């Protein structure tokens, strides 16, 4: 309960003294928070505002209309090359997410997160929140591994005991409102300068159509993610991007919101169910 008498008494202090008291008070109650040194080195190129948001909320996201605007990328091998590829594609819808989890985290925890992304059938009928119309939608319809484009029969999920150097699987997914899409999912272990973990990417092999109009060509809808473990933290960085034909702007909002909300939904699912449990 607020003591209004105390509040009234403070308000009578001369302005200079009042603000001096506030500054001194703030010095003692405000925690001194900073990124672990290893994280700070990896994130030394992201804007101060994004770094502050990451510290306060442990998660920060951005959306862009050009891959040149990407700002949350960690300085880690393979990330710059992935972003260069997005720029070469000419992606015009981009969503990125950076998540920080306090550690330390055991090998089993990283393998659990890896297996979550490898178990593609678990993505079936997950929902994401569409901010534009304030409703929940399916992230995917059916989602499952197949042998190849010539044999689209459902295959069981794969699971591993340790993260492999490289792994590639074809995945058939229902992508509302665009229909079925064959994608290639790629995975692999990463390690550099005391940081280890894994990388993930997906790429569409089929056209993506909206109202019978091709809006994304093969290879032009891409998702990348890195789950990186240091001494006392886990950092996840993800990008979802696409080069989308928007009908000369006529249905840009409809398509853009669908893509960015879906990317948010995927990373939210991974964060809420796996990263937060580490």
C-alpha atoms as a PDB file:
ATOM      1  CA  UNK A   1       0.000   0.000   0.000  1.00  0.00           C
ATOM      2  CA  UNK A   2       1.292   3.466  -0.882  1.00  0.00           C
ATOM      3  CA  UNK A   3       1.798   5.851   2.037  1.00  0.00           C
ATOM      4  CA  UNK A   4       0.453   9.092   0.570  1.00  0.00           C
ATOM      5  CA  UNK A   5       1.863  11.112   3.393  1.00  0.00           C
ATOM      6  CA  UNK A   6       5.374   9.928   2.580  1.00  0.00           C
ATOM      7  CA  UNK A   7       4.755  10.631  -1.096  1.00  0.00           C
ATOM      8  CA  UNK A   8       3.550  14.153  -0.238  1.00  0.00           C
ATOM      9  CA  UNK A   9       6.589  14.737   1.984  1.00  0.00           C
ATOM     10  CA  UNK A  10       9.040  13.715  -0.744  1.00  0.00           C
ATOM     11  CA  UNK A  11       7.307  15.950  -3.253  1.00  0.00           C
ATOM     12  CA  UNK A  12       8.178  18.958  -1.080  1.00  0.00           C
ATOM     13  CA  UNK A  13      11.947  18.395  -1.485  1.00  0.00           C
ATOM     14  CA  UNK A  14      13.770  20.897  -3.694  1.00  0.00           C
ATOM     15  CA  UNK A  15      13.968  19.537  -7.240  1.00  0.00           C
ATOM     16  CA  UNK A  16      17.756  19.101  -7.286  1.00  0.00           C
ATOM     17  CA  UNK A  17      17.760  17.232  -3.984  1.00  0.00           C
ATOM     18  CA  UNK A  18      14.734  15.138  -5.020  1.00  0.00           C
ATOM     19  CA  UNK A  19      16.346  13.870  -8.194  1.00  0.00           C
ATOM     20  CA  UNK A  20      19.602  13.295  -6.341  1.00  0.00           C
ATOM     21  CA  UNK A  21      17.764  11.056  -3.881  1.00  0.00           C
ATOM     22  CA  UNK A  22      16.155   9.165  -6.782  1.00  0.00           C
ATOM     23  CA  UNK A  23      19.504   8.641  -8.479  1.00  0.00           C
ATOM     24  CA  UNK A  24      21.103   7.357  -5.281  1.00  0.00           C
ATOM     25  CA  UNK A  25      18.098   5.094  -4.633  1.00  0.00           C
ATOM     26  CA  UNK A  26      18.251   3.714  -8.164  1.00  0.00           C
ATOM     27  CA  UNK A  27      21.960   3.000  -7.803  1.00  0.00           C
ATOM     28  CA  UNK A  28      21.361   0.726  -4.837  1.00  0.00           C
ATOM     29  CA  UNK A  29      18.269  -1.125  -6.124  1.00  0.00           C
ATOM     30  CA  UNK A  30      19.113  -1.539  -9.819  1.00  0.00           C
ATOM     31  CA  UNK A  31      20.917  -4.837 -10.444  1.00  0.00           C
ATOM     32  CA  UNK A  32      24.112  -4.734 -12.445  1.00  0.00           C
ATOM     33  CA  UNK A  33      23.302  -7.052 -15.321  1.00  0.00           C
ATOM     34  CA  UNK A  34      25.436  -7.902 -18.293  1.00  0.00           C
ATOM     35  CA  UNK A  35      25.817 -10.644 -20.827  1.00  0.00           C
ATOM     36  CA  UNK A  36      28.289 -13.419 -20.054  1.00  0.00           C
ATOM     37  CA  UNK A  37      31.632 -12.551 -21.672  1.00  0.00           C
ATOM     38  CA  UNK A  38      31.388 -15.428 -24.128  1.00  0.00           C
ATOM     39  CA  UNK A  39      27.886 -14.334 -25.211  1.00  0.00           C
ATOM     40  CA  UNK A  40      28.918 -10.689 -25.429  1.00  0.00           C
ATOM     41  CA  UNK A  41      31.715 -11.619 -27.843  1.00  0.00           C
ATOM     42  CA  UNK A  42      29.316 -13.522 -30.092  1.00  0.00           C
ATOM     43  CA  UNK A  43      26.742 -10.706 -30.001  1.00  0.00           C
ATOM     44  CA  UNK A  44      29.085  -7.733 -30.173  1.00  0.00           C
ATOM     45  CA  UNK A  45      27.631  -6.597 -33.507  1.00  0.00           C
ATOM     46  CA  UNK A  46      23.952  -6.421 -32.532  1.00  0.00           C
ATOM     47  CA  UNK A  47      22.450  -3.004 -31.604  1.00  0.00           C
ATOM     48  CA  UNK A  48      22.522  -1.877 -27.970  1.00  0.00           C
ATOM     49  CA  UNK A  49      18.733  -1.707 -27.862  1.00  0.00           C
ATOM     50  CA  UNK A  50      18.420  -5.345 -28.950  1.00  0.00           C
ATOM     51  CA  UNK A  51      21.062  -6.393 -26.416  1.00  0.00           C
ATOM     52  CA  UNK A  52      19.172  -4.637 -23.622  1.00  0.00           C
ATOM     53  CA  UNK A  53      15.925  -6.302 -24.693  1.00  0.00           C
ATOM     54  CA  UNK A  54      17.614  -9.704 -24.711  1.00  0.00           C
ATOM     55  CA  UNK A  55      18.945  -9.131 -21.196  1.00  0.00           C
ATOM     56  CA  UNK A  56      15.573  -8.024 -19.871  1.00  0.00           C
ATOM     57  CA  UNK A  57      13.342 -10.593 -21.589  1.00  0.00           C
ATOM     58  CA  UNK A  58      15.762 -13.346 -22.652  1.00  0.00           C
ATOM     59  CA  UNK A  59      14.206 -13.118 -26.131  1.00  0.00           C
ATOM     60  CA  UNK A  60      14.196 -10.513 -28.891  1.00  0.00           C
ATOM     61  CA  UNK A  61      12.685 -10.621 -32.393  1.00  0.00           C
ATOM     62  CA  UNK A  62      12.625  -8.437 -35.492  1.00  0.00           C
ATOM     63  CA  UNK A  63      10.834  -8.460 -38.865  1.00  0.00           C
ATOM     64  CA  UNK A  64      12.176  -6.904 -42.054  1.00  0.00           C
ATOM     65  CA  UNK A  65      11.407  -6.466 -45.728  1.00  0.00           C
ATOM     66  CA  UNK A  66      15.015  -7.017 -46.812  1.00  0.00           C
ATOM     67  CA  UNK A  67      17.734  -9.374 -45.602  1.00  0.00           C
ATOM     68  CA  UNK A  68      20.099  -6.380 -45.570  1.00  0.00           C
ATOM     69  CA  UNK A  69      18.221  -5.204 -42.461  1.00  0.00           C
ATOM     70  CA  UNK A  70      19.016  -8.302 -40.370  1.00  0.00           C
ATOM     71  CA  UNK A  71      20.457  -7.131 -37.042  1.00  0.00           C
ATOM     72  CA  UNK A  72      20.368  -9.938 -34.459  1.00  0.00           C
ATOM     73  CA  UNK A  73      22.817 -12.358 -36.058  1.00  0.00           C
ATOM     74  CA  UNK A  74      25.550 -13.767 -33.793  1.00  0.00           C
ATOM     75  CA  UNK A  75      29.150 -13.753 -34.941  1.00  0.00           C
ATOM     76  CA  UNK A  76      29.539 -17.474 -35.506  1.00  0.00           C
ATOM     77  CA  UNK A  77      30.837 -19.519 -38.468  1.00  0.00           C
ATOM     78  CA  UNK A  78      28.153 -20.174 -41.078  1.00  0.00           C
ATOM     79  CA  UNK A  79      25.809 -17.371 -40.053  1.00  0.00           C
ATOM     80  CA  UNK A  80      27.182 -14.713 -42.413  1.00  0.00           C
ATOM     81  CA  UNK A  81      27.144 -17.191 -45.304  1.00  0.00           C
ATOM     82  CA  UNK A  82      23.478 -18.004 -44.625  1.00  0.00           C
ATOM     83  CA  UNK A  83      22.551 -14.323 -44.555  1.00  0.00           C
ATOM     84  CA  UNK A  84      24.486 -13.755 -47.800  1.00  0.00           C
ATOM     85  CA  UNK A  85      22.398 -16.504 -49.407  1.00  0.00           C
ATOM     86  CA  UNK A  86      19.185 -14.800 -48.266  1.00  0.00           C
ATOM     87  CA  UNK A  87      20.391 -11.538 -49.806  1.00  0.00           C
ATOM     88  CA  UNK A  88      21.236 -13.283 -53.075  1.00  0.00           C
ATOM     89  CA  UNK A  89      17.758 -14.810 -53.160  1.00  0.00           C
ATOM     90  CA  UNK A  90      16.289 -11.335 -52.677  1.00  0.00           C
ATOM     91  CA  UNK A  91      14.077 -12.231 -49.725  1.00  0.00           C
ATOM     92  CA  UNK A  92      11.461  -9.564 -48.996  1.00  0.00           C
ATOM     93  CA  UNK A  93       9.874 -11.105 -45.884  1.00  0.00           C
ATOM     94  CA  UNK A  94      12.296 -11.788 -43.029  1.00  0.00           C
ATOM     95  CA  UNK A  95      11.706 -12.705 -39.393  1.00  0.00           C
ATOM     96  CA  UNK A  96      14.546 -13.267 -36.911  1.00  0.00           C
ATOM     97  CA  UNK A  97      14.640 -14.354 -33.279  1.00  0.00           C
ATOM     98  CA  UNK A  98      17.367 -14.459 -30.635  1.00  0.00           C
ATOM     99  CA  UNK A  99      16.835 -16.419 -27.384  1.00  0.00           C
ATOM    100  CA  UNK A 100      19.181 -16.649 -24.393  1.00  0.00           C
ATOM    101  CA  UNK A 101      18.910 -19.486 -21.861  1.00  0.00           C
ATOM    102  CA  UNK A 102      20.973 -19.517 -18.676  1.00  0.00           C
ATOM    103  CA  UNK A 103      23.210 -22.550 -18.281  1.00  0.00           C
ATOM    104  CA  UNK A 104      25.188 -24.645 -17.859  1.00  0.00           C
ATOM    105  CA  UNK A 105      23.453 -27.237 -20.053  1.00  0.00           C
ATOM    106  CA  UNK A 106      24.455 -30.906 -20.327  1.00  0.00           C
ATOM    107  CA  UNK A 107      24.938 -32.804 -23.592  1.00  0.00           C
ATOM    108  CA  UNK A 108      21.604 -34.556 -23.061  1.00  0.00           C
ATOM    109  CA  UNK A 109      19.789 -31.218 -23.089  1.00  0.00           C
ATOM    110  CA  UNK A 110      21.220 -30.156 -26.445  1.00  0.00           C
ATOM    111  CA  UNK A 111      20.454 -33.577 -27.948  1.00  0.00           C
ATOM    112  CA  UNK A 112      16.847 -33.256 -26.705  1.00  0.00           C
ATOM    113  CA  UNK A 113      16.446 -29.939 -28.525  1.00  0.00           C
ATOM    114  CA  UNK A 114      18.025 -31.449 -31.648  1.00  0.00           C
ATOM    115  CA  UNK A 115      15.630 -34.411 -31.552  1.00  0.00           C
ATOM    116  CA  UNK A 116      12.688 -32.025 -31.169  1.00  0.00           C
ATOM    117  CA  UNK A 117      13.489 -30.457 -34.540  1.00  0.00           C
ATOM    118  CA  UNK A 118      14.242 -33.874 -36.010  1.00  0.00           C
ATOM    119  CA  UNK A 119      10.846 -35.300 -34.969  1.00  0.00           C
ATOM    120  CA  UNK A 120       9.004 -33.487 -37.757  1.00  0.00           C
ATOM    121  CA  UNK A 121       5.682 -35.260 -37.150  1.00  0.00           C
ATOM    122  CA  UNK A 122       5.476 -33.403 -33.815  1.00  0.00           C
ATOM    123  CA  UNK A 123       4.980 -30.217 -35.831  1.00  0.00           C
ATOM    124  CA  UNK A 124       1.621 -31.483 -37.146  1.00  0.00           C
ATOM    125  CA  UNK A 125      -1.258 -29.207 -36.167  1.00  0.00           C
ATOM    126  CA  UNK A 126       0.774 -26.974 -33.921  1.00  0.00           C
ATOM    127  CA  UNK A 127      -0.892 -23.582 -33.709  1.00  0.00           C
ATOM    128  CA  UNK A 128       0.477 -20.069 -34.023  1.00  0.00           C
ATOM    129  CA  UNK A 129      -1.140 -16.745 -33.178  1.00  0.00           C
ATOM    130  CA  UNK A 130      -1.971 -14.450 -36.087  1.00  0.00           C
ATOM    131  CA  UNK A 131      -1.724 -10.900 -34.754  1.00  0.00           C
ATOM    132  CA  UNK A 132      -3.519  -9.404 -37.754  1.00  0.00           C
ATOM    133  CA  UNK A 133      -6.873 -11.110 -37.125  1.00  0.00           C
ATOM    134  CA  UNK A 134      -6.221 -12.107 -33.488  1.00  0.00           C
ATOM    135  CA  UNK A 135      -6.912 -15.789 -34.066  1.00  0.00           C
ATOM    136  CA  UNK A 136      -5.023 -19.069 -33.773  1.00  0.00           C
ATOM    137  CA  UNK A 137      -4.103 -21.004 -36.910  1.00  0.00           C
ATOM    138  CA  UNK A 138      -2.378 -24.280 -37.705  1.00  0.00           C
ATOM    139  CA  UNK A 139       1.358 -23.867 -38.121  1.00  0.00           C
ATOM    140  CA  UNK A 140       1.277 -26.909 -40.393  1.00  0.00           C
ATOM    141  CA  UNK A 141      -1.322 -29.512 -41.243  1.00  0.00           C
ATOM    142  CA  UNK A 142       0.251 -32.946 -41.563  1.00  0.00           C
ATOM    143  CA  UNK A 143       4.043 -32.971 -41.275  1.00  0.00           C
ATOM    144  CA  UNK A 144       6.144 -36.081 -41.816  1.00  0.00           C
ATOM    145  CA  UNK A 145       9.351 -37.452 -43.250  1.00  0.00           C
ATOM    146  CA  UNK A 146       9.282 -39.089 -46.708  1.00  0.00           C
ATOM    147  CA  UNK A 147      11.845 -41.010 -48.730  1.00  0.00           C
ATOM    148  CA  UNK A 148      11.981 -38.608 -51.685  1.00  0.00           C
ATOM    149  CA  UNK A 149       9.820 -36.719 -54.161  1.00  0.00           C
ATOM    150  CA  UNK A 150       8.940 -39.944 -55.953  1.00  0.00           C
ATOM    151  CA  UNK A 151       7.823 -41.719 -52.787  1.00  0.00           C
ATOM    152  CA  UNK A 152       5.725 -39.496 -50.521  1.00  0.00           C
ATOM    153  CA  UNK A 153       4.610 -42.243 -48.155  1.00  0.00           C
ATOM    154  CA  UNK A 154       4.911 -41.376 -44.473  1.00  0.00           C
ATOM    155  CA  UNK A 155       8.124 -42.526 -42.793  1.00  0.00           C
ATOM    156  CA  UNK A 156       8.743 -42.655 -39.026  1.00  0.00           C
ATOM    157  CA  UNK A 157      10.581 -39.877 -37.258  1.00  0.00           C
ATOM    158  CA  UNK A 158      14.291 -40.240 -36.697  1.00  0.00           C
ATOM    159  CA  UNK A 159      15.925 -39.793 -33.288  1.00  0.00           C
ATOM    160  CA  UNK A 160      19.621 -39.788 -32.399  1.00  0.00           C
ATOM    161  CA  UNK A 161      21.792 -40.435 -29.345  1.00  0.00           C
ATOM    162  CA  UNK A 162      24.325 -37.806 -30.361  1.00  0.00           C
ATOM    163  CA  UNK A 163      24.277 -34.967 -32.867  1.00  0.00           C
ATOM    164  CA  UNK A 164      25.642 -36.132 -36.244  1.00  0.00           C
ATOM    165  CA  UNK A 165      28.046 -34.087 -38.390  1.00  0.00           C
ATOM    166  CA  UNK A 166      25.384 -33.827 -41.110  1.00  0.00           C
ATOM    167  CA  UNK A 167      21.892 -35.152 -41.764  1.00  0.00           C
ATOM    168  CA  UNK A 168      19.330 -34.390 -44.486  1.00  0.00           C
ATOM    169  CA  UNK A 169      15.695 -35.506 -44.737  1.00  0.00           C
ATOM    170  CA  UNK A 170      12.813 -34.687 -47.105  1.00  0.00           C
ATOM    171  CA  UNK A 171       9.681 -33.519 -45.268  1.00  0.00           C
ATOM    172  CA  UNK A 172       6.143 -33.157 -46.627  1.00  0.00           C
ATOM    173  CA  UNK A 173       4.118 -30.500 -44.852  1.00  0.00           C
ATOM    174  CA  UNK A 174       0.692 -28.969 -45.203  1.00  0.00           C
ATOM    175  CA  UNK A 175       1.262 -25.227 -45.199  1.00  0.00           C
ATOM    176  CA  UNK A 176      -2.066 -23.402 -44.849  1.00  0.00           C
ATOM    177  CA  UNK A 177      -3.281 -21.425 -46.736  1.00  0.00           C
ATOM    178  CA  UNK A 178      -0.800 -22.503 -49.427  1.00  0.00           C
ATOM    179  CA  UNK A 179      -1.258 -26.294 -49.579  1.00  0.00           C
ATOM    180  CA  UNK A 180       1.265 -29.127 -49.382  1.00  0.00           C
ATOM    181  CA  UNK A 181       4.952 -28.324 -49.740  1.00  0.00           C
ATOM    182  CA  UNK A 182       7.927 -30.663 -49.961  1.00  0.00           C
ATOM    183  CA  UNK A 183      10.871 -29.293 -48.009  1.00  0.00           C
ATOM    184  CA  UNK A 184      14.413 -30.394 -47.317  1.00  0.00           C
ATOM    185  CA  UNK A 185      15.467 -30.257 -43.668  1.00  0.00           C
ATOM    186  CA  UNK A 186      19.209 -30.183 -42.971  1.00  0.00           C
ATOM    187  CA  UNK A 187      20.963 -30.621 -39.619  1.00  0.00           C
ATOM    188  CA  UNK A 188      24.514 -30.825 -38.361  1.00  0.00           C
ATOM    189  CA  UNK A 189      26.821 -30.395 -35.383  1.00  0.00           C
ATOM    190  CA  UNK A 190      28.799 -27.164 -34.966  1.00  0.00           C
ATOM    191  CA  UNK A 191      31.808 -26.306 -32.807  1.00  0.00           C
ATOM    192  CA  UNK A 192      34.050 -23.239 -32.683  1.00  0.00           C
ATOM    193  CA  UNK A 193      36.147 -21.460 -30.048  1.00  0.00           C
ATOM    194  CA  UNK A 194      34.608 -23.169 -27.029  1.00  0.00           C
ATOM    195  CA  UNK A 195      31.029 -23.020 -28.372  1.00  0.00           C
ATOM    196  CA  UNK A 196      29.218 -26.114 -29.631  1.00  0.00           C
ATOM    197  CA  UNK A 197      25.706 -27.165 -30.604  1.00  0.00           C
ATOM    198  CA  UNK A 198      23.961 -27.628 -33.931  1.00  0.00           C
ATOM    199  CA  UNK A 199      22.614 -25.886 -37.001  1.00  0.00           C
ATOM    200  CA  UNK A 200      19.299 -26.425 -38.783  1.00  0.00           C
ATOM    201  CA  UNK A 201      17.858 -25.271 -42.087  1.00  0.00           C
ATOM    202  CA  UNK A 202      14.809 -25.917 -44.234  1.00  0.00           C
ATOM    203  CA  UNK A 203      14.216 -25.087 -47.901  1.00  0.00           C
ATOM    204  CA  UNK A 204      11.123 -25.512 -50.074  1.00  0.00           C
ATOM    205  CA  UNK A 205      11.477 -27.866 -53.051  1.00  0.00           C
ATOM    206  CA  UNK A 206       8.054 -27.097 -54.551  1.00  0.00           C
ATOM    207  CA  UNK A 207       6.271 -23.951 -55.629  1.00  0.00           C
ATOM    208  CA  UNK A 208       4.162 -22.276 -52.961  1.00  0.00           C
ATOM    209  CA  UNK A 209       0.848 -21.014 -54.316  1.00  0.00           C
ATOM    210  CA  UNK A 210      -1.771 -18.622 -52.992  1.00  0.00           C
ATOM    211  CA  UNK A 211      -5.151 -18.628 -54.757  1.00  0.00           C
ATOM    212  CA  UNK A 212      -3.493 -20.585 -57.592  1.00  0.00           C
ATOM    213  CA  UNK A 213      -0.843 -17.905 -58.044  1.00  0.00           C
ATOM    214  CA  UNK A 214       2.763 -18.930 -57.490  1.00  0.00           C
ATOM    215  CA  UNK A 215       4.025 -16.685 -54.716  1.00  0.00           C
ATOM    216  CA  UNK A 216       7.292 -18.471 -53.837  1.00  0.00           C
ATOM    217  CA  UNK A 217       9.581 -20.363 -56.196  1.00  0.00           C
ATOM    218  CA  UNK A 218      11.481 -23.503 -55.143  1.00  0.00           C
ATOM    219  CA  UNK A 219      14.428 -22.658 -52.899  1.00  0.00           C
ATOM    220  CA  UNK A 220      13.117 -19.211 -51.997  1.00  0.00           C
ATOM    221  CA  UNK A 221      11.516 -19.958 -48.617  1.00  0.00           C
ATOM    222  CA  UNK A 222      14.278 -20.739 -46.136  1.00  0.00           C
ATOM    223  CA  UNK A 223      14.573 -21.145 -42.373  1.00  0.00           C
ATOM    224  CA  UNK A 224      17.888 -21.224 -40.514  1.00  0.00           C
ATOM    225  CA  UNK A 225      18.561 -21.834 -36.831  1.00  0.00           C
ATOM    226  CA  UNK A 226      21.626 -22.282 -34.640  1.00  0.00           C
ATOM    227  CA  UNK A 227      21.491 -23.630 -31.094  1.00  0.00           C
ATOM    228  CA  UNK A 228      24.828 -22.721 -29.510  1.00  0.00           C
ATOM    229  CA  UNK A 229      26.073 -23.813 -26.089  1.00  0.00           C
ATOM    230  CA  UNK A 230      28.772 -21.984 -24.171  1.00  0.00           C
ATOM    231  CA  UNK A 231      30.128 -22.305 -20.646  1.00  0.00           C
ATOM    232  CA  UNK A 232      27.007 -21.076 -18.865  1.00  0.00           C
ATOM    233  CA  UNK A 233      24.372 -20.373 -21.491  1.00  0.00           C
ATOM    234  CA  UNK A 234      22.550 -21.591 -24.584  1.00  0.00           C
ATOM    235  CA  UNK A 235      21.869 -19.146 -27.405  1.00  0.00           C
ATOM    236  CA  UNK A 236      19.384 -19.828 -30.178  1.00  0.00           C
ATOM    237  CA  UNK A 237      19.333 -17.667 -33.296  1.00  0.00           C
ATOM    238  CA  UNK A 238      16.749 -18.283 -35.999  1.00  0.00           C
ATOM    239  CA  UNK A 239      15.807 -16.652 -39.302  1.00  0.00           C
ATOM    240  CA  UNK A 240      12.787 -17.369 -41.476  1.00  0.00           C
ATOM    241  CA  UNK A 241      12.820 -15.652 -44.865  1.00  0.00           C
ATOM    242  CA  UNK A 242      11.164 -15.833 -48.266  1.00  0.00           C
ATOM    243  CA  UNK A 243      11.120 -14.058 -51.602  1.00  0.00           C
ATOM    244  CA  UNK A 244       7.397 -13.638 -52.101  1.00  0.00           C
ATOM    245  CA  UNK A 245       5.363 -12.365 -55.017  1.00  0.00           C
ATOM    246  CA  UNK A 246       2.707 -10.254 -53.335  1.00  0.00           C
ATOM    247  CA  UNK A 247       0.444  -9.483 -56.277  1.00  0.00           C
ATOM    248  CA  UNK A 248       2.063  -6.067 -56.685  1.00  0.00           C
ATOM    249  CA  UNK A 249       1.215  -5.376 -53.056  1.00  0.00           C
ATOM    250  CA  UNK A 250      -2.461  -6.403 -53.290  1.00  0.00           C
ATOM    251  CA  UNK A 251      -2.150  -9.232 -50.772  1.00  0.00           C
ATOM    252  CA  UNK A 252       1.202  -8.444 -49.163  1.00  0.00           C
ATOM    253  CA  UNK A 253      -0.253  -8.022 -45.669  1.00  0.00           C
ATOM    254  CA  UNK A 254      -2.069 -11.355 -45.877  1.00  0.00           C
ATOM    255  CA  UNK A 255       1.002 -13.280 -47.002  1.00  0.00           C
ATOM    256  CA  UNK A 256       3.590 -11.408 -44.943  1.00  0.00           C
ATOM    257  CA  UNK A 257       1.661 -11.914 -41.733  1.00  0.00           C
ATOM    258  CA  UNK A 258       1.232 -15.605 -42.488  1.00  0.00           C
ATOM    259  CA  UNK A 259       4.968 -16.103 -43.010  1.00  0.00           C
ATOM    260  CA  UNK A 260       6.209 -14.027 -40.068  1.00  0.00           C
ATOM    261  CA  UNK A 261       3.591 -15.398 -37.664  1.00  0.00           C
ATOM    262  CA  UNK A 262       4.468 -18.947 -38.700  1.00  0.00           C
ATOM    263  CA  UNK A 263       8.167 -18.325 -38.066  1.00  0.00           C
ATOM    264  CA  UNK A 264       7.323 -16.871 -34.655  1.00  0.00           C
ATOM    265  CA  UNK A 265       5.139 -19.896 -33.949  1.00  0.00           C
ATOM    266  CA  UNK A 266       7.925 -22.355 -34.750  1.00  0.00           C
ATOM    267  CA  UNK A 267      10.470 -20.597 -32.540  1.00  0.00           C
ATOM    268  CA  UNK A 268       7.914 -20.079 -29.747  1.00  0.00           C
ATOM    269  CA  UNK A 269       7.153 -23.803 -29.772  1.00  0.00           C
ATOM    270  CA  UNK A 270      10.840 -24.656 -29.597  1.00  0.00           C
ATOM    271  CA  UNK A 271      11.461 -22.125 -26.840  1.00  0.00           C
ATOM    272  CA  UNK A 272       8.405 -22.895 -24.680  1.00  0.00           C
ATOM    273  CA  UNK A 273       8.672 -26.672 -24.854  1.00  0.00           C
ATOM    274  CA  UNK A 274      12.396 -27.328 -25.056  1.00  0.00           C
ATOM    275  CA  UNK A 275      14.736 -24.375 -24.552  1.00  0.00           C
ATOM    276  CA  UNK A 276      12.930 -23.199 -21.425  1.00  0.00           C
ATOM    277  CA  UNK A 277      13.224 -26.717 -20.005  1.00  0.00           C
ATOM    278  CA  UNK A 278      16.996 -26.879 -20.258  1.00  0.00           C
END
